[in-house]
């Protein structure tokens, strides 16, 4: 990238370029000693894999995803810097540049497709409910902590969450399917919980809200799963799941949350460092959402089932 920038800027003949020092520092590109050492190490690890095509494919997939994230990051930074009236909101930028592709992978995960089709085995549904219950505990805990940190009365009111409806819903599922809450968080749930709790407790409220934004956005998109459920003949085995995750109610909830997080983003004004952290936090949460779905579907075992 640096070599390409140097050529575009005609750096050798343009020492008065406003970003001369920045471009000069990165213009060595692939020829830099440190870069060459890193490439040698990566190639060595790749060579050691031998016929392990599965891991090699994962390396290539990870590289491709990183390139995509670099592109999305550049788009987002550019959108932030370009003057517009009105200025773009946080959710405008996230929904346009960061979330769509990765969120779509989660929404279209086999776990949710099979719930919609009514074909997901009950033990896997039990894992989803149990681990989601633990996530919800952390979710409401994060909001309670952020509410406690906030001093503005109106924002404190907006941060307040009533968990009653959610826990009533979970109890109905336990009674209907005759299984109990999980005793502990599985690894894929724990890393996600650690993420949202650490952000809500140790970072700004804006970053704490960014950590849970993908959760709101994801469940709003569950209407796609609801459409699959309508094709099921006879009583749907997971009808209660769809009654509770009603798209119209989800729309109202998402709109309220978008308003809240955009207020915090706007209050940051020229604090670009925290704004960029918010985007990074969202990206991390989306990855954790995918890990959670994959863990429930492929590795999860119900506890006390």
C-alpha atoms as a PDB file:
ATOM      1  CA  UNK A   1       0.000   0.000   0.000  1.00  0.00           C
ATOM      2  CA  UNK A   2       2.797   2.409   0.924  1.00  0.00           C
ATOM      3  CA  UNK A   3       4.598   1.872  -2.389  1.00  0.00           C
ATOM      4  CA  UNK A   4       1.381   2.555  -4.267  1.00  0.00           C
ATOM      5  CA  UNK A   5       0.735   5.739  -2.261  1.00  0.00           C
ATOM      6  CA  UNK A   6       4.271   6.957  -2.930  1.00  0.00           C
ATOM      7  CA  UNK A   7       3.780   6.530  -6.666  1.00  0.00           C
ATOM      8  CA  UNK A   8       0.426   8.314  -6.658  1.00  0.00           C
ATOM      9  CA  UNK A   9       1.865  11.188  -4.619  1.00  0.00           C
ATOM     10  CA  UNK A  10       4.993  11.351  -6.869  1.00  0.00           C
ATOM     11  CA  UNK A  11       6.873  11.488  -3.580  1.00  0.00           C
ATOM     12  CA  UNK A  12      10.484  11.707  -4.962  1.00  0.00           C
ATOM     13  CA  UNK A  13       9.573  14.894  -6.833  1.00  0.00           C
ATOM     14  CA  UNK A  14       7.116  16.296  -4.316  1.00  0.00           C
ATOM     15  CA  UNK A  15       8.752  16.807  -0.895  1.00  0.00           C
ATOM     16  CA  UNK A  16       6.144  19.457  -0.042  1.00  0.00           C
ATOM     17  CA  UNK A  17       3.333  16.900  -0.087  1.00  0.00           C
ATOM     18  CA  UNK A  18       1.190  17.504   3.072  1.00  0.00           C
ATOM     19  CA  UNK A  19       1.540  13.836   4.096  1.00  0.00           C
ATOM     20  CA  UNK A  20       5.168  13.390   2.992  1.00  0.00           C
ATOM     21  CA  UNK A  21       6.391  11.943   6.314  1.00  0.00           C
ATOM     22  CA  UNK A  22       3.502   9.475   6.628  1.00  0.00           C
ATOM     23  CA  UNK A  23       3.883   8.114   3.097  1.00  0.00           C
ATOM     24  CA  UNK A  24       7.694   8.030   3.346  1.00  0.00           C
ATOM     25  CA  UNK A  25       7.503   5.959   6.504  1.00  0.00           C
ATOM     26  CA  UNK A  26       5.436   3.234   4.840  1.00  0.00           C
ATOM     27  CA  UNK A  27       6.676   3.487   1.252  1.00  0.00           C
ATOM     28  CA  UNK A  28       9.157   0.619   1.531  1.00  0.00           C
ATOM     29  CA  UNK A  29       6.162  -1.712   1.496  1.00  0.00           C
ATOM     30  CA  UNK A  30       7.124  -5.299   0.711  1.00  0.00           C
ATOM     31  CA  UNK A  31      10.812  -4.396   0.582  1.00  0.00           C
ATOM     32  CA  UNK A  32      10.956  -3.401   4.263  1.00  0.00           C
ATOM     33  CA  UNK A  33      13.168  -5.706   6.326  1.00  0.00           C
ATOM     34  CA  UNK A  34      10.491  -6.304   8.949  1.00  0.00           C
ATOM     35  CA  UNK A  35       7.920  -7.142   6.269  1.00  0.00           C
ATOM     36  CA  UNK A  36      10.267  -9.611   4.603  1.00  0.00           C
ATOM     37  CA  UNK A  37      10.940 -11.325   7.931  1.00  0.00           C
ATOM     38  CA  UNK A  38       7.226 -11.616   8.592  1.00  0.00           C
ATOM     39  CA  UNK A  39       6.575 -13.066   5.125  1.00  0.00           C
ATOM     40  CA  UNK A  40       9.352 -15.610   5.664  1.00  0.00           C
ATOM     41  CA  UNK A  41       7.791 -16.722   8.948  1.00  0.00           C
ATOM     42  CA  UNK A  42       4.317 -17.061   7.414  1.00  0.00           C
ATOM     43  CA  UNK A  43       5.674 -19.037   4.475  1.00  0.00           C
ATOM     44  CA  UNK A  44       7.555 -21.329   6.857  1.00  0.00           C
ATOM     45  CA  UNK A  45       4.379 -22.114   8.794  1.00  0.00           C
ATOM     46  CA  UNK A  46       2.508 -22.641   5.521  1.00  0.00           C
ATOM     47  CA  UNK A  47       5.191 -25.053   4.275  1.00  0.00           C
ATOM     48  CA  UNK A  48       5.106 -27.029   7.528  1.00  0.00           C
ATOM     49  CA  UNK A  49       1.420 -27.779   6.974  1.00  0.00           C
ATOM     50  CA  UNK A  50       2.340 -30.126   4.122  1.00  0.00           C
ATOM     51  CA  UNK A  51      -0.845 -31.848   2.940  1.00  0.00           C
ATOM     52  CA  UNK A  52      -3.031 -30.251   5.619  1.00  0.00           C
ATOM     53  CA  UNK A  53      -5.241 -28.525   3.053  1.00  0.00           C
ATOM     54  CA  UNK A  54      -7.927 -27.816   5.650  1.00  0.00           C
ATOM     55  CA  UNK A  55      -5.654 -25.496   7.653  1.00  0.00           C
ATOM     56  CA  UNK A  56      -4.205 -23.996   4.481  1.00  0.00           C
ATOM     57  CA  UNK A  57      -7.701 -23.113   3.304  1.00  0.00           C
ATOM     58  CA  UNK A  58      -8.422 -21.560   6.684  1.00  0.00           C
ATOM     59  CA  UNK A  59      -5.284 -19.418   6.339  1.00  0.00           C
ATOM     60  CA  UNK A  60      -6.399 -18.206   2.923  1.00  0.00           C
ATOM     61  CA  UNK A  61      -9.898 -17.534   4.226  1.00  0.00           C
ATOM     62  CA  UNK A  62      -8.506 -15.543   7.161  1.00  0.00           C
ATOM     63  CA  UNK A  63      -6.304 -13.529   4.778  1.00  0.00           C
ATOM     64  CA  UNK A  64      -9.265 -12.753   2.526  1.00  0.00           C
ATOM     65  CA  UNK A  65     -11.400 -11.662   5.453  1.00  0.00           C
ATOM     66  CA  UNK A  66      -8.617  -9.400   6.713  1.00  0.00           C
ATOM     67  CA  UNK A  67      -8.400  -7.721   3.323  1.00  0.00           C
ATOM     68  CA  UNK A  68     -12.163  -7.188   3.419  1.00  0.00           C
ATOM     69  CA  UNK A  69     -11.913  -5.627   6.878  1.00  0.00           C
ATOM     70  CA  UNK A  70      -9.114  -3.338   5.693  1.00  0.00           C
ATOM     71  CA  UNK A  71     -11.378  -2.173   2.863  1.00  0.00           C
ATOM     72  CA  UNK A  72     -14.350  -1.650   5.178  1.00  0.00           C
ATOM     73  CA  UNK A  73     -12.139   0.254   7.611  1.00  0.00           C
ATOM     74  CA  UNK A  74     -10.933   2.566   4.831  1.00  0.00           C
ATOM     75  CA  UNK A  75     -14.515   3.161   3.692  1.00  0.00           C
ATOM     76  CA  UNK A  76     -15.626   3.969   7.214  1.00  0.00           C
ATOM     77  CA  UNK A  77     -12.732   6.348   7.910  1.00  0.00           C
ATOM     78  CA  UNK A  78     -13.366   8.111   4.617  1.00  0.00           C
ATOM     79  CA  UNK A  79     -17.067   8.460   5.378  1.00  0.00           C
ATOM     80  CA  UNK A  80     -16.199   9.961   8.759  1.00  0.00           C
ATOM     81  CA  UNK A  81     -13.830  12.504   7.257  1.00  0.00           C
ATOM     82  CA  UNK A  82     -15.995  13.620   4.340  1.00  0.00           C
ATOM     83  CA  UNK A  83     -18.168  16.552   5.318  1.00  0.00           C
ATOM     84  CA  UNK A  84     -21.871  15.879   4.968  1.00  0.00           C
ATOM     85  CA  UNK A  85     -25.007  17.532   6.186  1.00  0.00           C
ATOM     86  CA  UNK A  86     -26.318  16.008   8.271  1.00  0.00           C
ATOM     87  CA  UNK A  87     -23.259  14.127   9.487  1.00  0.00           C
ATOM     88  CA  UNK A  88     -23.562  10.319   9.239  1.00  0.00           C
ATOM     89  CA  UNK A  89     -24.670   8.572  12.401  1.00  0.00           C
ATOM     90  CA  UNK A  90     -22.785   5.670  13.933  1.00  0.00           C
ATOM     91  CA  UNK A  91     -25.434   3.156  12.830  1.00  0.00           C
ATOM     92  CA  UNK A  92     -25.483   4.619   9.293  1.00  0.00           C
ATOM     93  CA  UNK A  93     -21.763   3.919   9.012  1.00  0.00           C
ATOM     94  CA  UNK A  94     -21.855   0.508  10.679  1.00  0.00           C
ATOM     95  CA  UNK A  95     -24.846  -0.740   8.711  1.00  0.00           C
ATOM     96  CA  UNK A  96     -23.317   0.440   5.429  1.00  0.00           C
ATOM     97  CA  UNK A  97     -19.662  -0.447   5.839  1.00  0.00           C
ATOM     98  CA  UNK A  98     -19.076  -2.975   8.611  1.00  0.00           C
ATOM     99  CA  UNK A  99     -22.022  -5.145   9.502  1.00  0.00           C
ATOM    100  CA  UNK A 100     -23.817  -6.369   6.348  1.00  0.00           C
ATOM    101  CA  UNK A 101     -21.661  -9.248   5.092  1.00  0.00           C
ATOM    102  CA  UNK A 102     -20.610 -10.633   8.457  1.00  0.00           C
ATOM    103  CA  UNK A 103     -24.096 -10.258   9.930  1.00  0.00           C
ATOM    104  CA  UNK A 104     -25.586 -12.048   6.927  1.00  0.00           C
ATOM    105  CA  UNK A 105     -23.309 -15.017   7.597  1.00  0.00           C
ATOM    106  CA  UNK A 106     -24.689 -15.283  11.127  1.00  0.00           C
ATOM    107  CA  UNK A 107     -28.347 -14.849  10.159  1.00  0.00           C
ATOM    108  CA  UNK A 108     -27.972 -17.474   7.419  1.00  0.00           C
ATOM    109  CA  UNK A 109     -26.188 -19.917   9.719  1.00  0.00           C
ATOM    110  CA  UNK A 110     -27.544 -23.467   9.625  1.00  0.00           C
ATOM    111  CA  UNK A 111     -28.526 -23.113  13.301  1.00  0.00           C
ATOM    112  CA  UNK A 112     -31.149 -20.487  12.520  1.00  0.00           C
ATOM    113  CA  UNK A 113     -32.179 -21.939   9.164  1.00  0.00           C
ATOM    114  CA  UNK A 114     -32.982 -25.241  10.851  1.00  0.00           C
ATOM    115  CA  UNK A 115     -34.884 -23.498  13.636  1.00  0.00           C
ATOM    116  CA  UNK A 116     -36.979 -21.800  10.961  1.00  0.00           C
ATOM    117  CA  UNK A 117     -37.596 -25.049   9.124  1.00  0.00           C
ATOM    118  CA  UNK A 118     -38.427 -26.810  12.393  1.00  0.00           C
ATOM    119  CA  UNK A 119     -35.729 -29.423  11.794  1.00  0.00           C
ATOM    120  CA  UNK A 120     -33.170 -28.412  14.445  1.00  0.00           C
ATOM    121  CA  UNK A 121     -32.794 -31.280  16.950  1.00  0.00           C
ATOM    122  CA  UNK A 122     -34.207 -30.449  20.362  1.00  0.00           C
ATOM    123  CA  UNK A 123     -30.863 -30.946  22.097  1.00  0.00           C
ATOM    124  CA  UNK A 124     -29.310 -28.238  19.926  1.00  0.00           C
ATOM    125  CA  UNK A 125     -32.249 -25.911  20.609  1.00  0.00           C
ATOM    126  CA  UNK A 126     -31.708 -26.579  24.322  1.00  0.00           C
ATOM    127  CA  UNK A 127     -28.053 -25.558  23.972  1.00  0.00           C
ATOM    128  CA  UNK A 128     -29.096 -22.331  22.237  1.00  0.00           C
ATOM    129  CA  UNK A 129     -31.594 -21.438  24.960  1.00  0.00           C
ATOM    130  CA  UNK A 130     -29.240 -22.320  27.817  1.00  0.00           C
ATOM    131  CA  UNK A 131     -26.233 -20.432  26.474  1.00  0.00           C
ATOM    132  CA  UNK A 132     -28.370 -17.525  25.278  1.00  0.00           C
ATOM    133  CA  UNK A 133     -29.746 -17.271  28.835  1.00  0.00           C
ATOM    134  CA  UNK A 134     -26.201 -16.829  30.135  1.00  0.00           C
ATOM    135  CA  UNK A 135     -25.488 -14.238  27.465  1.00  0.00           C
ATOM    136  CA  UNK A 136     -28.674 -12.386  28.427  1.00  0.00           C
ATOM    137  CA  UNK A 137     -27.498 -12.289  32.049  1.00  0.00           C
ATOM    138  CA  UNK A 138     -24.324 -10.559  30.895  1.00  0.00           C
ATOM    139  CA  UNK A 139     -26.281  -8.333  28.507  1.00  0.00           C
ATOM    140  CA  UNK A 140     -28.540  -6.938  31.225  1.00  0.00           C
ATOM    141  CA  UNK A 141     -25.623  -6.771  33.622  1.00  0.00           C
ATOM    142  CA  UNK A 142     -23.702  -4.649  31.121  1.00  0.00           C
ATOM    143  CA  UNK A 143     -26.600  -2.236  30.777  1.00  0.00           C
ATOM    144  CA  UNK A 144     -27.056  -2.010  34.540  1.00  0.00           C
ATOM    145  CA  UNK A 145     -23.380  -1.154  34.964  1.00  0.00           C
ATOM    146  CA  UNK A 146     -23.475   1.488  32.212  1.00  0.00           C
ATOM    147  CA  UNK A 147     -26.643   2.954  33.729  1.00  0.00           C
ATOM    148  CA  UNK A 148     -24.807   3.225  37.040  1.00  0.00           C
ATOM    149  CA  UNK A 149     -21.905   5.070  35.397  1.00  0.00           C
ATOM    150  CA  UNK A 150     -24.090   7.598  33.592  1.00  0.00           C
ATOM    151  CA  UNK A 151     -24.855  10.892  35.359  1.00  0.00           C
ATOM    152  CA  UNK A 152     -27.247  12.441  32.839  1.00  0.00           C
ATOM    153  CA  UNK A 153     -30.813  11.671  33.981  1.00  0.00           C
ATOM    154  CA  UNK A 154     -32.292  11.274  30.495  1.00  0.00           C
ATOM    155  CA  UNK A 155     -29.486   9.038  29.246  1.00  0.00           C
ATOM    156  CA  UNK A 156     -29.675   7.036  32.456  1.00  0.00           C
ATOM    157  CA  UNK A 157     -33.381   6.485  31.725  1.00  0.00           C
ATOM    158  CA  UNK A 158     -32.621   5.361  28.174  1.00  0.00           C
ATOM    159  CA  UNK A 159     -29.967   2.947  29.434  1.00  0.00           C
ATOM    160  CA  UNK A 160     -32.387   1.275  31.853  1.00  0.00           C
ATOM    161  CA  UNK A 161     -33.536  -2.184  30.710  1.00  0.00           C
ATOM    162  CA  UNK A 162     -36.408  -4.242  32.100  1.00  0.00           C
ATOM    163  CA  UNK A 163     -35.491  -7.926  31.867  1.00  0.00           C
ATOM    164  CA  UNK A 164     -38.863  -9.283  32.993  1.00  0.00           C
ATOM    165  CA  UNK A 165     -40.300 -10.202  29.582  1.00  0.00           C
ATOM    166  CA  UNK A 166     -37.094 -11.959  28.511  1.00  0.00           C
ATOM    167  CA  UNK A 167     -36.830 -14.096  31.640  1.00  0.00           C
ATOM    168  CA  UNK A 168     -40.542 -14.984  31.482  1.00  0.00           C
ATOM    169  CA  UNK A 169     -39.970 -16.166  27.914  1.00  0.00           C
ATOM    170  CA  UNK A 170     -37.015 -18.327  28.944  1.00  0.00           C
ATOM    171  CA  UNK A 171     -39.032 -19.890  31.766  1.00  0.00           C
ATOM    172  CA  UNK A 172     -41.780 -20.789  29.284  1.00  0.00           C
ATOM    173  CA  UNK A 173     -39.232 -22.582  27.121  1.00  0.00           C
ATOM    174  CA  UNK A 174     -37.819 -24.502  30.083  1.00  0.00           C
ATOM    175  CA  UNK A 175     -41.312 -25.602  31.104  1.00  0.00           C
ATOM    176  CA  UNK A 176     -42.411 -26.507  27.587  1.00  0.00           C
ATOM    177  CA  UNK A 177     -39.353 -28.571  26.682  1.00  0.00           C
ATOM    178  CA  UNK A 178     -38.532 -29.823  30.172  1.00  0.00           C
ATOM    179  CA  UNK A 179     -34.893 -28.791  30.507  1.00  0.00           C
ATOM    180  CA  UNK A 180     -33.036 -26.599  32.979  1.00  0.00           C
ATOM    181  CA  UNK A 181     -30.809 -23.509  32.737  1.00  0.00           C
ATOM    182  CA  UNK A 182     -27.114 -24.125  32.082  1.00  0.00           C
ATOM    183  CA  UNK A 183     -24.757 -24.529  35.023  1.00  0.00           C
ATOM    184  CA  UNK A 184     -21.878 -22.706  33.354  1.00  0.00           C
ATOM    185  CA  UNK A 185     -20.940 -20.785  30.201  1.00  0.00           C
ATOM    186  CA  UNK A 186     -19.317 -22.814  27.437  1.00  0.00           C
ATOM    187  CA  UNK A 187     -16.082 -21.453  26.006  1.00  0.00           C
ATOM    188  CA  UNK A 188     -17.694 -19.820  22.974  1.00  0.00           C
ATOM    189  CA  UNK A 189     -20.213 -18.071  25.245  1.00  0.00           C
ATOM    190  CA  UNK A 190     -17.625 -17.052  27.825  1.00  0.00           C
ATOM    191  CA  UNK A 191     -15.405 -15.175  25.361  1.00  0.00           C
ATOM    192  CA  UNK A 192     -18.413 -13.204  24.126  1.00  0.00           C
ATOM    193  CA  UNK A 193     -19.530 -12.476  27.691  1.00  0.00           C
ATOM    194  CA  UNK A 194     -16.017 -11.391  28.677  1.00  0.00           C
ATOM    195  CA  UNK A 195     -16.038  -9.053  25.676  1.00  0.00           C
ATOM    196  CA  UNK A 196     -19.303  -7.230  26.471  1.00  0.00           C
ATOM    197  CA  UNK A 197     -18.653  -7.126  30.217  1.00  0.00           C
ATOM    198  CA  UNK A 198     -15.116  -5.768  29.835  1.00  0.00           C
ATOM    199  CA  UNK A 199     -16.302  -3.052  27.443  1.00  0.00           C
ATOM    200  CA  UNK A 200     -19.245  -1.994  29.601  1.00  0.00           C
ATOM    201  CA  UNK A 201     -17.150  -1.973  32.779  1.00  0.00           C
ATOM    202  CA  UNK A 202     -13.728  -0.790  31.642  1.00  0.00           C
ATOM    203  CA  UNK A 203     -14.321   1.292  28.513  1.00  0.00           C
ATOM    204  CA  UNK A 204     -16.575   4.229  27.655  1.00  0.00           C
ATOM    205  CA  UNK A 205     -20.344   3.794  27.608  1.00  0.00           C
ATOM    206  CA  UNK A 206     -20.204   4.392  23.857  1.00  0.00           C
ATOM    207  CA  UNK A 207     -17.906   1.367  23.440  1.00  0.00           C
ATOM    208  CA  UNK A 208     -20.066  -0.681  25.785  1.00  0.00           C
ATOM    209  CA  UNK A 209     -23.112   0.028  23.614  1.00  0.00           C
ATOM    210  CA  UNK A 210     -21.124  -0.810  20.485  1.00  0.00           C
ATOM    211  CA  UNK A 211     -20.355  -4.234  21.972  1.00  0.00           C
ATOM    212  CA  UNK A 212     -24.058  -5.171  22.127  1.00  0.00           C
ATOM    213  CA  UNK A 213     -25.199  -3.445  18.917  1.00  0.00           C
ATOM    214  CA  UNK A 214     -24.739  -6.542  16.709  1.00  0.00           C
ATOM    215  CA  UNK A 215     -26.995  -8.485  19.072  1.00  0.00           C
ATOM    216  CA  UNK A 216     -29.799  -5.990  18.453  1.00  0.00           C
ATOM    217  CA  UNK A 217     -29.142  -5.871  14.721  1.00  0.00           C
ATOM    218  CA  UNK A 218     -28.935  -9.650  14.412  1.00  0.00           C
ATOM    219  CA  UNK A 219     -32.209 -10.418  16.147  1.00  0.00           C
ATOM    220  CA  UNK A 220     -33.954  -7.762  14.093  1.00  0.00           C
ATOM    221  CA  UNK A 221     -32.992  -9.781  11.012  1.00  0.00           C
ATOM    222  CA  UNK A 222     -34.565 -12.956  12.359  1.00  0.00           C
ATOM    223  CA  UNK A 223     -37.635 -12.132  10.271  1.00  0.00           C
ATOM    224  CA  UNK A 224     -35.877 -14.139   7.542  1.00  0.00           C
ATOM    225  CA  UNK A 225     -36.083 -17.168   9.829  1.00  0.00           C
ATOM    226  CA  UNK A 226     -39.713 -16.330  10.577  1.00  0.00           C
ATOM    227  CA  UNK A 227     -40.471 -16.580   6.857  1.00  0.00           C
ATOM    228  CA  UNK A 228     -39.076 -20.120   6.821  1.00  0.00           C
ATOM    229  CA  UNK A 229     -41.286 -20.999   9.769  1.00  0.00           C
ATOM    230  CA  UNK A 230     -44.407 -20.083   7.799  1.00  0.00           C
ATOM    231  CA  UNK A 231     -43.650 -22.923   5.377  1.00  0.00           C
ATOM    232  CA  UNK A 232     -43.893 -25.548   8.112  1.00  0.00           C
ATOM    233  CA  UNK A 233     -47.124 -27.547   7.944  1.00  0.00           C
ATOM    234  CA  UNK A 234     -48.809 -28.238  11.250  1.00  0.00           C
ATOM    235  CA  UNK A 235     -47.711 -26.886  14.653  1.00  0.00           C
ATOM    236  CA  UNK A 236     -44.190 -25.501  14.562  1.00  0.00           C
ATOM    237  CA  UNK A 237     -42.008 -27.129  17.263  1.00  0.00           C
ATOM    238  CA  UNK A 238     -40.393 -23.785  18.099  1.00  0.00           C
ATOM    239  CA  UNK A 239     -43.428 -21.531  17.684  1.00  0.00           C
ATOM    240  CA  UNK A 240     -42.756 -19.789  21.010  1.00  0.00           C
ATOM    241  CA  UNK A 241     -39.347 -18.690  19.681  1.00  0.00           C
ATOM    242  CA  UNK A 242     -41.015 -16.839  16.821  1.00  0.00           C
ATOM    243  CA  UNK A 243     -43.853 -15.404  18.880  1.00  0.00           C
ATOM    244  CA  UNK A 244     -41.356 -13.798  21.231  1.00  0.00           C
ATOM    245  CA  UNK A 245     -38.948 -12.644  18.506  1.00  0.00           C
ATOM    246  CA  UNK A 246     -41.688 -10.755  16.686  1.00  0.00           C
ATOM    247  CA  UNK A 247     -40.191  -8.548  13.913  1.00  0.00           C
ATOM    248  CA  UNK A 248     -42.494  -5.604  14.621  1.00  0.00           C
ATOM    249  CA  UNK A 249     -41.500  -5.511  18.291  1.00  0.00           C
ATOM    250  CA  UNK A 250     -37.876  -6.043  17.292  1.00  0.00           C
ATOM    251  CA  UNK A 251     -38.114  -3.041  14.953  1.00  0.00           C
ATOM    252  CA  UNK A 252     -39.220  -0.787  17.813  1.00  0.00           C
ATOM    253  CA  UNK A 253     -36.484  -2.083  20.100  1.00  0.00           C
ATOM    254  CA  UNK A 254     -33.783  -1.658  17.455  1.00  0.00           C
ATOM    255  CA  UNK A 255     -34.932   1.880  16.606  1.00  0.00           C
ATOM    256  CA  UNK A 256     -34.739   2.892  20.268  1.00  0.00           C
ATOM    257  CA  UNK A 257     -31.277   1.390  20.646  1.00  0.00           C
ATOM    258  CA  UNK A 258     -30.015   3.043  17.451  1.00  0.00           C
ATOM    259  CA  UNK A 259     -31.193   6.388  18.781  1.00  0.00           C
ATOM    260  CA  UNK A 260     -29.328   5.765  22.053  1.00  0.00           C
ATOM    261  CA  UNK A 261     -26.004   4.713  20.559  1.00  0.00           C
ATOM    262  CA  UNK A 262     -26.131   7.523  18.001  1.00  0.00           C
ATOM    263  CA  UNK A 263     -26.585  10.057  20.831  1.00  0.00           C
ATOM    264  CA  UNK A 264     -23.381   8.795  22.460  1.00  0.00           C
ATOM    265  CA  UNK A 265     -21.539   8.772  19.137  1.00  0.00           C
ATOM    266  CA  UNK A 266     -22.597  12.356  18.420  1.00  0.00           C
ATOM    267  CA  UNK A 267     -21.509  13.499  21.891  1.00  0.00           C
ATOM    268  CA  UNK A 268     -17.957  12.308  21.122  1.00  0.00           C
ATOM    269  CA  UNK A 269     -17.666  15.114  18.538  1.00  0.00           C
ATOM    270  CA  UNK A 270     -13.974  15.275  17.530  1.00  0.00           C
ATOM    271  CA  UNK A 271     -12.874  12.284  19.632  1.00  0.00           C
ATOM    272  CA  UNK A 272     -12.034  10.128  16.614  1.00  0.00           C
ATOM    273  CA  UNK A 273     -10.024   7.673  18.691  1.00  0.00           C
ATOM    274  CA  UNK A 274     -13.084   6.550  20.652  1.00  0.00           C
ATOM    275  CA  UNK A 275     -15.225   6.616  17.517  1.00  0.00           C
ATOM    276  CA  UNK A 276     -12.829   4.259  15.763  1.00  0.00           C
ATOM    277  CA  UNK A 277     -12.772   2.024  18.836  1.00  0.00           C
ATOM    278  CA  UNK A 278     -16.553   1.754  18.589  1.00  0.00           C
ATOM    279  CA  UNK A 279     -16.248   0.382  15.054  1.00  0.00           C
ATOM    280  CA  UNK A 280     -13.578  -2.080  16.140  1.00  0.00           C
ATOM    281  CA  UNK A 281     -15.751  -3.259  19.031  1.00  0.00           C
ATOM    282  CA  UNK A 282     -18.692  -3.849  16.682  1.00  0.00           C
ATOM    283  CA  UNK A 283     -16.485  -5.901  14.378  1.00  0.00           C
ATOM    284  CA  UNK A 284     -15.314  -8.030  17.299  1.00  0.00           C
ATOM    285  CA  UNK A 285     -18.883  -8.597  18.491  1.00  0.00           C
ATOM    286  CA  UNK A 286     -19.986  -9.756  15.047  1.00  0.00           C
ATOM    287  CA  UNK A 287     -17.188 -12.318  15.039  1.00  0.00           C
ATOM    288  CA  UNK A 288     -18.273 -13.490  18.502  1.00  0.00           C
ATOM    289  CA  UNK A 289     -21.863 -13.820  17.260  1.00  0.00           C
ATOM    290  CA  UNK A 290     -20.602 -16.157  14.543  1.00  0.00           C
ATOM    291  CA  UNK A 291     -18.502 -18.133  17.036  1.00  0.00           C
ATOM    292  CA  UNK A 292     -21.533 -18.453  19.311  1.00  0.00           C
ATOM    293  CA  UNK A 293     -23.803 -19.793  16.539  1.00  0.00           C
ATOM    294  CA  UNK A 294     -21.124 -22.185  15.353  1.00  0.00           C
ATOM    295  CA  UNK A 295     -20.375 -23.385  18.887  1.00  0.00           C
ATOM    296  CA  UNK A 296     -24.030 -24.086  19.661  1.00  0.00           C
ATOM    297  CA  UNK A 297     -24.582 -25.889  16.375  1.00  0.00           C
ATOM    298  CA  UNK A 298     -21.412 -27.967  16.092  1.00  0.00           C
ATOM    299  CA  UNK A 299     -19.945 -28.397  19.565  1.00  0.00           C
ATOM    300  CA  UNK A 300     -22.617 -27.619  22.130  1.00  0.00           C
ATOM    301  CA  UNK A 301     -24.001 -30.191  24.525  1.00  0.00           C
ATOM    302  CA  UNK A 302     -27.082 -29.436  26.654  1.00  0.00           C
ATOM    303  CA  UNK A 303     -26.453 -29.345  30.383  1.00  0.00           C
ATOM    304  CA  UNK A 304     -28.750 -31.377  32.624  1.00  0.00           C
ATOM    305  CA  UNK A 305     -30.927 -32.298  29.638  1.00  0.00           C
END
